[in-house]
Amino acid sequence: MFALFNPAPRPCDAPLAHPSPALDLRAMVGAAAWARLPAAVQRRFGTAHADVAYEGQMDLRCSRVGHVFAALTRAWGGPLTHINTTALPATVCVSDNGRGGVVWERCFHTGTDSGAGRTVRSTKELGPDGRLLERTDGGLAMSLEVLEEDGALVFRSRRFWWVRVRGRLRIPVPALLTPGTCRVAHTDLGGGRFRFTLSMVHPWWGETFHQSGVFTDPCTEDASPDYSLNAL
């Protein structure tokens, strides 16, 4: 899991995660926009996805103001990382949480005391209002809109919350007290690879965090189900 070695791509014959109730991103994006996404992206974010681990390397940037936000969020599980580095080995594990949500666990492997085994874990799920919500284990969450842009699947934050009582209590966090608007893009590169890009831009302090990396998908499209609209 922590190695840089990436095994050769194999057919996606792993057991499918629990299919229901499922987070239906296709319905949120819209049929026409979903059809513009590459088949590999449709598979990775479709309702019938398998649990999977992606290996790759990331470049991480954190501004001085970002360092402050990273320190302040440690009380809520430390969802923000202060690391500044390039070509950092990383693993992204995606799994079904059994309650309709999808868990994304990002592990940064620095091999140093300051950041060894640094893990950021969040769950994408439906919020009480029926819209997409991404929640950290510590309770920080953000409402997201999801859309297609130039063949990439993009998530953009609309509002931040402090979520308690199993999601039933949501306390809004003022925009100026957050690290800024979050934008995450998943761009397929072909050949079983994709780029993950995250940026957070504060209205006063500019970009506080930027993360970008290329990952290898252990699955191939050869034996994968057809996720195009024609097959649905």
C-alpha atoms as a PDB file:
ATOM      1  CA  MET A   1       0.000   0.000   0.000  1.00  0.00           C
ATOM      2  CA  PHE A   2       2.818   2.345   0.840  1.00  0.00           C
ATOM      3  CA  ALA A   3       5.073   1.320  -2.031  1.00  0.00           C
ATOM      4  CA  LEU A   4       5.746   3.346  -5.124  1.00  0.00           C
ATOM      5  CA  PHE A   5       5.423   0.239  -7.287  1.00  0.00           C
ATOM      6  CA  ASN A   6       2.222   0.199  -9.309  1.00  0.00           C
ATOM      7  CA  PRO A   7       1.033  -3.255 -10.442  1.00  0.00           C
ATOM      8  CA  ALA A   8       0.071  -3.729 -14.075  1.00  0.00           C
ATOM      9  CA  PRO A   9      -3.530  -2.790 -14.867  1.00  0.00           C
ATOM     10  CA  ARG A  10      -5.986  -5.671 -14.463  1.00  0.00           C
ATOM     11  CA  PRO A  11      -9.642  -6.110 -15.372  1.00  0.00           C
ATOM     12  CA  CYS A  12     -12.106  -4.730 -12.838  1.00  0.00           C
ATOM     13  CA  ASP A  13     -13.375  -8.044 -11.511  1.00  0.00           C
ATOM     14  CA  ALA A  14     -13.431  -7.046  -7.819  1.00  0.00           C
ATOM     15  CA  PRO A  15     -16.756  -7.492  -5.999  1.00  0.00           C
ATOM     16  CA  LEU A  16     -18.994  -4.472  -6.301  1.00  0.00           C
ATOM     17  CA  ALA A  17     -19.608  -2.392  -3.218  1.00  0.00           C
ATOM     18  CA  HIS A  18     -23.057  -2.382  -1.635  1.00  0.00           C
ATOM     19  CA  PRO A  19     -25.220  -0.871  -4.390  1.00  0.00           C
ATOM     20  CA  SER A  20     -28.106   0.579  -2.364  1.00  0.00           C
ATOM     21  CA  PRO A  21     -28.768   3.148  -1.143  1.00  0.00           C
ATOM     22  CA  ALA A  22     -26.264   4.744  -3.502  1.00  0.00           C
ATOM     23  CA  LEU A  23     -24.871   8.213  -4.067  1.00  0.00           C
ATOM     24  CA  ASP A  24     -25.959   8.935  -7.646  1.00  0.00           C
ATOM     25  CA  LEU A  25     -23.528  11.510  -9.029  1.00  0.00           C
ATOM     26  CA  ARG A  26     -24.802  10.904 -12.560  1.00  0.00           C
ATOM     27  CA  ALA A  27     -28.196  12.286 -11.560  1.00  0.00           C
ATOM     28  CA  MET A  28     -26.550  15.305  -9.921  1.00  0.00           C
ATOM     29  CA  VAL A  29     -24.368  16.100 -12.930  1.00  0.00           C
ATOM     30  CA  GLY A  30     -27.169  15.559 -15.429  1.00  0.00           C
ATOM     31  CA  ALA A  31     -27.494  13.048 -18.248  1.00  0.00           C
ATOM     32  CA  ALA A  32     -25.956  15.197 -20.982  1.00  0.00           C
ATOM     33  CA  ALA A  33     -22.946  16.273 -18.890  1.00  0.00           C
ATOM     34  CA  TRP A  34     -22.375  12.738 -17.606  1.00  0.00           C
ATOM     35  CA  ALA A  35     -22.303  11.426 -21.180  1.00  0.00           C
ATOM     36  CA  ARG A  36     -19.399  13.806 -21.941  1.00  0.00           C
ATOM     37  CA  LEU A  37     -17.224  12.199 -19.260  1.00  0.00           C
ATOM     38  CA  PRO A  38     -14.771   9.459 -20.310  1.00  0.00           C
ATOM     39  CA  ALA A  39     -15.930   5.907 -19.587  1.00  0.00           C
ATOM     40  CA  ALA A  40     -13.182   5.511 -16.971  1.00  0.00           C
ATOM     41  CA  VAL A  41     -14.467   8.516 -15.005  1.00  0.00           C
ATOM     42  CA  GLN A  42     -18.035   7.213 -15.221  1.00  0.00           C
ATOM     43  CA  ARG A  43     -16.843   3.906 -13.776  1.00  0.00           C
ATOM     44  CA  ARG A  44     -14.830   5.443 -10.956  1.00  0.00           C
ATOM     45  CA  PHE A  45     -17.752   7.609  -9.842  1.00  0.00           C
ATOM     46  CA  GLY A  46     -20.682   5.405 -10.862  1.00  0.00           C
ATOM     47  CA  THR A  47     -23.097   3.894  -8.373  1.00  0.00           C
ATOM     48  CA  ALA A  48     -21.804   0.368  -9.038  1.00  0.00           C
ATOM     49  CA  HIS A  49     -18.155   1.009  -8.215  1.00  0.00           C
ATOM     50  CA  ALA A  50     -15.811  -1.409  -6.486  1.00  0.00           C
ATOM     51  CA  ASP A  51     -13.622  -0.578  -3.502  1.00  0.00           C
ATOM     52  CA  VAL A  52     -10.233   0.358  -4.905  1.00  0.00           C
ATOM     53  CA  ALA A  53      -6.819   1.839  -4.054  1.00  0.00           C
ATOM     54  CA  TYR A  54      -4.978   4.211  -6.386  1.00  0.00           C
ATOM     55  CA  GLU A  55      -1.206   4.758  -6.162  1.00  0.00           C
ATOM     56  CA  GLY A  56       0.560   7.879  -7.363  1.00  0.00           C
ATOM     57  CA  GLN A  57       2.590  10.974  -6.514  1.00  0.00           C
ATOM     58  CA  MET A  58       1.444  14.446  -5.515  1.00  0.00           C
ATOM     59  CA  ASP A  59       2.748  17.996  -5.421  1.00  0.00           C
ATOM     60  CA  LEU A  60       1.514  19.877  -2.339  1.00  0.00           C
ATOM     61  CA  ARG A  61       1.554  23.625  -1.675  1.00  0.00           C
ATOM     62  CA  CYS A  62       0.350  25.415   1.428  1.00  0.00           C
ATOM     63  CA  SER A  63       0.559  29.189   1.940  1.00  0.00           C
ATOM     64  CA  ARG A  64       1.413  30.856   5.239  1.00  0.00           C
ATOM     65  CA  VAL A  65      -2.264  31.497   5.861  1.00  0.00           C
ATOM     66  CA  GLY A  66      -2.902  27.883   4.883  1.00  0.00           C
ATOM     67  CA  HIS A  67      -0.534  26.802   7.661  1.00  0.00           C
ATOM     68  CA  VAL A  68      -2.734  28.653  10.144  1.00  0.00           C
ATOM     69  CA  PHE A  69      -5.883  26.944   8.874  1.00  0.00           C
ATOM     70  CA  ALA A  70      -4.148  23.551   8.950  1.00  0.00           C
ATOM     71  CA  ALA A  71      -3.177  24.081  12.590  1.00  0.00           C
ATOM     72  CA  LEU A  72      -6.651  25.273  13.582  1.00  0.00           C
ATOM     73  CA  THR A  73      -8.366  22.241  12.046  1.00  0.00           C
ATOM     74  CA  ARG A  74      -6.300  19.711  13.995  1.00  0.00           C
ATOM     75  CA  ALA A  75      -9.000  19.768  16.663  1.00  0.00           C
ATOM     76  CA  TRP A  76     -11.396  18.382  14.027  1.00  0.00           C
ATOM     77  CA  GLY A  77      -9.196  15.560  12.814  1.00  0.00           C
ATOM     78  CA  GLY A  78      -6.761  17.676  10.789  1.00  0.00           C
ATOM     79  CA  PRO A  79      -8.396  17.476   7.339  1.00  0.00           C
ATOM     80  CA  LEU A  80      -5.905  20.040   5.949  1.00  0.00           C
ATOM     81  CA  THR A  81      -2.201  19.335   5.496  1.00  0.00           C
ATOM     82  CA  HIS A  82       0.583  21.893   5.909  1.00  0.00           C
ATOM     83  CA  ILE A  83       3.082  19.888   3.831  1.00  0.00           C
ATOM     84  CA  ASN A  84       4.953  21.654   1.012  1.00  0.00           C
ATOM     85  CA  THR A  85       6.672  19.183  -1.285  1.00  0.00           C
ATOM     86  CA  THR A  86       6.799  17.643  -4.765  1.00  0.00           C
ATOM     87  CA  ALA A  87       6.521  14.071  -6.059  1.00  0.00           C
ATOM     88  CA  LEU A  88       5.239  12.818  -2.708  1.00  0.00           C
ATOM     89  CA  PRO A  89       4.136   9.158  -2.806  1.00  0.00           C
ATOM     90  CA  ALA A  90       0.433   8.911  -2.049  1.00  0.00           C
ATOM     91  CA  THR A  91      -2.358   6.359  -1.898  1.00  0.00           C
ATOM     92  CA  VAL A  92      -6.051   7.111  -2.392  1.00  0.00           C
ATOM     93  CA  CYS A  93      -8.456   4.453  -1.104  1.00  0.00           C
ATOM     94  CA  VAL A  94     -12.128   4.604  -2.107  1.00  0.00           C
ATOM     95  CA  SER A  95     -14.770   2.474  -0.400  1.00  0.00           C
ATOM     96  CA  ASP A  96     -18.491   2.241   0.297  1.00  0.00           C
ATOM     97  CA  ASN A  97     -19.421   3.121   3.880  1.00  0.00           C
ATOM     98  CA  GLY A  98     -22.494   0.870   3.791  1.00  0.00           C
ATOM     99  CA  ARG A  99     -24.883   3.782   4.322  1.00  0.00           C
ATOM    100  CA  GLY A 100     -24.998   5.261   0.838  1.00  0.00           C
ATOM    101  CA  GLY A 101     -21.820   7.316   1.195  1.00  0.00           C
ATOM    102  CA  VAL A 102     -18.387   6.933  -0.393  1.00  0.00           C
ATOM    103  CA  VAL A 103     -15.237   7.185   1.743  1.00  0.00           C
ATOM    104  CA  TRP A 104     -12.153   8.831   0.239  1.00  0.00           C
ATOM    105  CA  GLU A 105      -8.957   8.251   2.215  1.00  0.00           C
ATOM    106  CA  ARG A 106      -5.825  10.067   1.023  1.00  0.00           C
ATOM    107  CA  CYS A 107      -2.545   8.903   2.561  1.00  0.00           C
ATOM    108  CA  PHE A 108       0.641  10.941   2.085  1.00  0.00           C
ATOM    109  CA  HIS A 109       3.829   8.913   2.652  1.00  0.00           C
ATOM    110  CA  THR A 110       6.660  11.296   3.473  1.00  0.00           C
ATOM    111  CA  GLY A 111       8.775   8.900   5.498  1.00  0.00           C
ATOM    112  CA  THR A 112       9.576  11.677   7.982  1.00  0.00           C
ATOM    113  CA  ASP A 113       8.404  12.342  11.516  1.00  0.00           C
ATOM    114  CA  SER A 114       6.696  15.550  10.430  1.00  0.00           C
ATOM    115  CA  GLY A 115       4.309  13.885   8.044  1.00  0.00           C
ATOM    116  CA  ALA A 116       4.791  10.109   7.935  1.00  0.00           C
ATOM    117  CA  GLY A 117       1.550   8.320   7.312  1.00  0.00           C
ATOM    118  CA  ARG A 118      -0.413  11.575   7.057  1.00  0.00           C
ATOM    119  CA  THR A 119      -4.001  10.596   6.272  1.00  0.00           C
ATOM    120  CA  VAL A 120      -6.952  12.760   5.250  1.00  0.00           C
ATOM    121  CA  ARG A 121     -10.301  10.964   5.344  1.00  0.00           C
ATOM    122  CA  SER A 122     -13.681  12.252   4.196  1.00  0.00           C
ATOM    123  CA  THR A 123     -17.054  10.872   3.140  1.00  0.00           C
ATOM    124  CA  LYS A 124     -19.174  12.062   0.237  1.00  0.00           C
ATOM    125  CA  GLU A 125     -22.856  11.561   1.043  1.00  0.00           C
ATOM    126  CA  LEU A 126     -26.283  13.102   0.691  1.00  0.00           C
ATOM    127  CA  GLY A 127     -26.935  15.927   3.147  1.00  0.00           C
ATOM    128  CA  PRO A 128     -30.261  16.506   4.912  1.00  0.00           C
ATOM    129  CA  ASP A 129     -31.298  18.757   2.013  1.00  0.00           C
ATOM    130  CA  GLY A 130     -30.673  15.987  -0.532  1.00  0.00           C
ATOM    131  CA  ARG A 131     -27.584  17.703  -1.929  1.00  0.00           C
ATOM    132  CA  LEU A 132     -24.014  16.478  -2.020  1.00  0.00           C
ATOM    133  CA  LEU A 133     -22.080  16.882   1.231  1.00  0.00           C
ATOM    134  CA  GLU A 134     -18.451  15.999   1.972  1.00  0.00           C
ATOM    135  CA  ARG A 135     -17.816  15.409   5.668  1.00  0.00           C
ATOM    136  CA  THR A 136     -14.613  14.737   7.591  1.00  0.00           C
ATOM    137  CA  ASP A 137     -14.505  12.400  10.576  1.00  0.00           C
ATOM    138  CA  GLY A 138     -13.956  15.402  12.848  1.00  0.00           C
ATOM    139  CA  GLY A 139     -17.202  17.089  11.783  1.00  0.00           C
ATOM    140  CA  LEU A 140     -16.058  19.719   9.290  1.00  0.00           C
ATOM    141  CA  ALA A 141     -18.104  19.485   6.108  1.00  0.00           C
ATOM    142  CA  MET A 142     -18.847  21.352   2.915  1.00  0.00           C
ATOM    143  CA  SER A 143     -21.820  21.410   0.589  1.00  0.00           C
ATOM    144  CA  LEU A 144     -20.704  20.634  -2.953  1.00  0.00           C
ATOM    145  CA  GLU A 145     -21.940  21.152  -6.454  1.00  0.00           C
ATOM    146  CA  VAL A 146     -20.752  18.617  -9.003  1.00  0.00           C
ATOM    147  CA  LEU A 147     -20.374  19.329 -12.698  1.00  0.00           C
ATOM    148  CA  GLU A 148     -18.528  18.408 -15.870  1.00  0.00           C
ATOM    149  CA  GLU A 149     -15.919  20.801 -17.259  1.00  0.00           C
ATOM    150  CA  ASP A 150     -14.026  19.945 -20.466  1.00  0.00           C
ATOM    151  CA  GLY A 151     -14.334  16.215 -19.829  1.00  0.00           C
ATOM    152  CA  ALA A 152     -13.305  16.444 -16.163  1.00  0.00           C
ATOM    153  CA  LEU A 153     -15.540  15.768 -13.158  1.00  0.00           C
ATOM    154  CA  VAL A 154     -15.416  18.821 -10.892  1.00  0.00           C
ATOM    155  CA  PHE A 155     -16.559  19.311  -7.305  1.00  0.00           C
ATOM    156  CA  ARG A 156     -16.884  22.879  -5.993  1.00  0.00           C
ATOM    157  CA  SER A 157     -17.734  23.927  -2.450  1.00  0.00           C
ATOM    158  CA  ARG A 158     -20.789  26.094  -1.843  1.00  0.00           C
ATOM    159  CA  ARG A 159     -20.715  26.394   1.946  1.00  0.00           C
ATOM    160  CA  PHE A 160     -18.851  25.030   4.961  1.00  0.00           C
ATOM    161  CA  TRP A 161     -20.499  23.483   8.006  1.00  0.00           C
ATOM    162  CA  TRP A 162     -19.704  22.028  11.389  1.00  0.00           C
ATOM    163  CA  VAL A 163     -21.753  18.829  11.470  1.00  0.00           C
ATOM    164  CA  ARG A 164     -22.763  17.077  14.693  1.00  0.00           C
ATOM    165  CA  VAL A 165     -25.298  14.503  15.927  1.00  0.00           C
ATOM    166  CA  ARG A 166     -24.828  12.158  12.949  1.00  0.00           C
ATOM    167  CA  GLY A 167     -25.358  14.962  10.490  1.00  0.00           C
ATOM    168  CA  ARG A 168     -28.665  16.165  11.912  1.00  0.00           C
ATOM    169  CA  LEU A 169     -27.132  19.342  13.366  1.00  0.00           C
ATOM    170  CA  ARG A 170     -25.352  21.623  10.895  1.00  0.00           C
ATOM    171  CA  ILE A 171     -23.786  24.883  12.052  1.00  0.00           C
ATOM    172  CA  PRO A 172     -22.751  27.169   9.149  1.00  0.00           C
ATOM    173  CA  VAL A 173     -19.155  28.436   9.116  1.00  0.00           C
ATOM    174  CA  PRO A 174     -18.700  32.015   7.794  1.00  0.00           C
ATOM    175  CA  ALA A 175     -16.813  32.083   4.496  1.00  0.00           C
ATOM    176  CA  LEU A 176     -14.030  34.317   5.834  1.00  0.00           C
ATOM    177  CA  LEU A 177     -13.296  31.761   8.570  1.00  0.00           C
ATOM    178  CA  THR A 178     -12.748  28.962   6.058  1.00  0.00           C
ATOM    179  CA  PRO A 179      -9.654  28.255   3.927  1.00  0.00           C
ATOM    180  CA  GLY A 180     -11.662  29.394   0.909  1.00  0.00           C
ATOM    181  CA  THR A 181     -13.683  27.944  -1.931  1.00  0.00           C
ATOM    182  CA  CYS A 182     -12.577  24.385  -2.622  1.00  0.00           C
ATOM    183  CA  ARG A 183     -12.386  23.038  -6.171  1.00  0.00           C
ATOM    184  CA  VAL A 184     -11.498  19.428  -6.912  1.00  0.00           C
ATOM    185  CA  ALA A 185     -11.088  18.113 -10.457  1.00  0.00           C
ATOM    186  CA  HIS A 186     -10.726  14.510 -11.599  1.00  0.00           C
ATOM    187  CA  THR A 187      -9.245  14.433 -15.112  1.00  0.00           C
ATOM    188  CA  ASP A 188      -8.725  11.179 -16.995  1.00  0.00           C
ATOM    189  CA  LEU A 189      -5.362  10.975 -18.788  1.00  0.00           C
ATOM    190  CA  GLY A 190      -5.945   7.691 -20.586  1.00  0.00           C
ATOM    191  CA  GLY A 191      -3.871   4.542 -20.228  1.00  0.00           C
ATOM    192  CA  GLY A 192      -5.287   3.848 -16.767  1.00  0.00           C
ATOM    193  CA  ARG A 193      -4.092   7.143 -15.295  1.00  0.00           C
ATOM    194  CA  PHE A 194      -5.857  10.235 -13.991  1.00  0.00           C
ATOM    195  CA  ARG A 195      -4.965  13.581 -12.452  1.00  0.00           C
ATOM    196  CA  PHE A 196      -6.385  14.750  -9.124  1.00  0.00           C
ATOM    197  CA  THR A 197      -6.267  18.513  -8.547  1.00  0.00           C
ATOM    198  CA  LEU A 198      -7.429  20.388  -5.448  1.00  0.00           C
ATOM    199  CA  SER A 199      -7.284  24.112  -4.799  1.00  0.00           C
ATOM    200  CA  MET A 200      -8.670  26.305  -2.036  1.00  0.00           C
ATOM    201  CA  VAL A 201      -8.929  30.048  -2.657  1.00  0.00           C
ATOM    202  CA  HIS A 202      -9.786  32.515   0.126  1.00  0.00           C
ATOM    203  CA  PRO A 203     -11.560  35.783  -0.808  1.00  0.00           C
ATOM    204  CA  TRP A 204      -8.895  37.804   1.073  1.00  0.00           C
ATOM    205  CA  TRP A 205      -5.794  35.617   1.230  1.00  0.00           C
ATOM    206  CA  GLY A 206      -5.871  34.009  -2.201  1.00  0.00           C
ATOM    207  CA  GLU A 207      -4.869  30.407  -2.734  1.00  0.00           C
ATOM    208  CA  THR A 208      -4.260  28.717   0.625  1.00  0.00           C
ATOM    209  CA  PHE A 209      -3.843  25.112  -0.559  1.00  0.00           C
ATOM    210  CA  HIS A 210      -2.998  23.486  -3.881  1.00  0.00           C
ATOM    211  CA  GLN A 211      -2.587  19.761  -4.488  1.00  0.00           C
ATOM    212  CA  SER A 212      -2.052  17.987  -7.788  1.00  0.00           C
ATOM    213  CA  GLY A 213      -1.026  14.457  -8.606  1.00  0.00           C
ATOM    214  CA  VAL A 214      -1.201  11.656 -11.153  1.00  0.00           C
ATOM    215  CA  PHE A 215      -2.507   8.257 -10.074  1.00  0.00           C
ATOM    216  CA  THR A 216      -2.695   4.800 -11.626  1.00  0.00           C
ATOM    217  CA  ASP A 217      -6.008   2.976 -11.811  1.00  0.00           C
ATOM    218  CA  PRO A 218      -5.517  -0.779 -11.163  1.00  0.00           C
ATOM    219  CA  CYS A 219      -8.601  -1.446 -13.323  1.00  0.00           C
ATOM    220  CA  THR A 220      -8.907  -1.327 -17.090  1.00  0.00           C
ATOM    221  CA  GLU A 221     -11.916  -0.654 -19.263  1.00  0.00           C
ATOM    222  CA  ASP A 222     -11.610  -3.929 -21.201  1.00  0.00           C
ATOM    223  CA  ALA A 223     -13.625  -5.989 -18.739  1.00  0.00           C
ATOM    224  CA  SER A 224     -15.499  -3.161 -17.043  1.00  0.00           C
ATOM    225  CA  PRO A 225     -19.268  -2.674 -17.237  1.00  0.00           C
ATOM    226  CA  ASP A 226     -20.505  -0.107 -19.767  1.00  0.00           C
ATOM    227  CA  TYR A 227     -21.345   3.071 -17.821  1.00  0.00           C
ATOM    228  CA  SER A 228     -22.467   5.075 -20.827  1.00  0.00           C
ATOM    229  CA  LEU A 229     -26.016   6.373 -20.976  1.00  0.00           C
ATOM    230  CA  ASN A 230     -26.795   3.953 -23.809  1.00  0.00           C
ATOM    231  CA  ALA A 231     -26.302   1.070 -21.396  1.00  0.00           C
ATOM    232  CA  LEU A 232     -28.472   2.520 -18.629  1.00  0.00           C
END
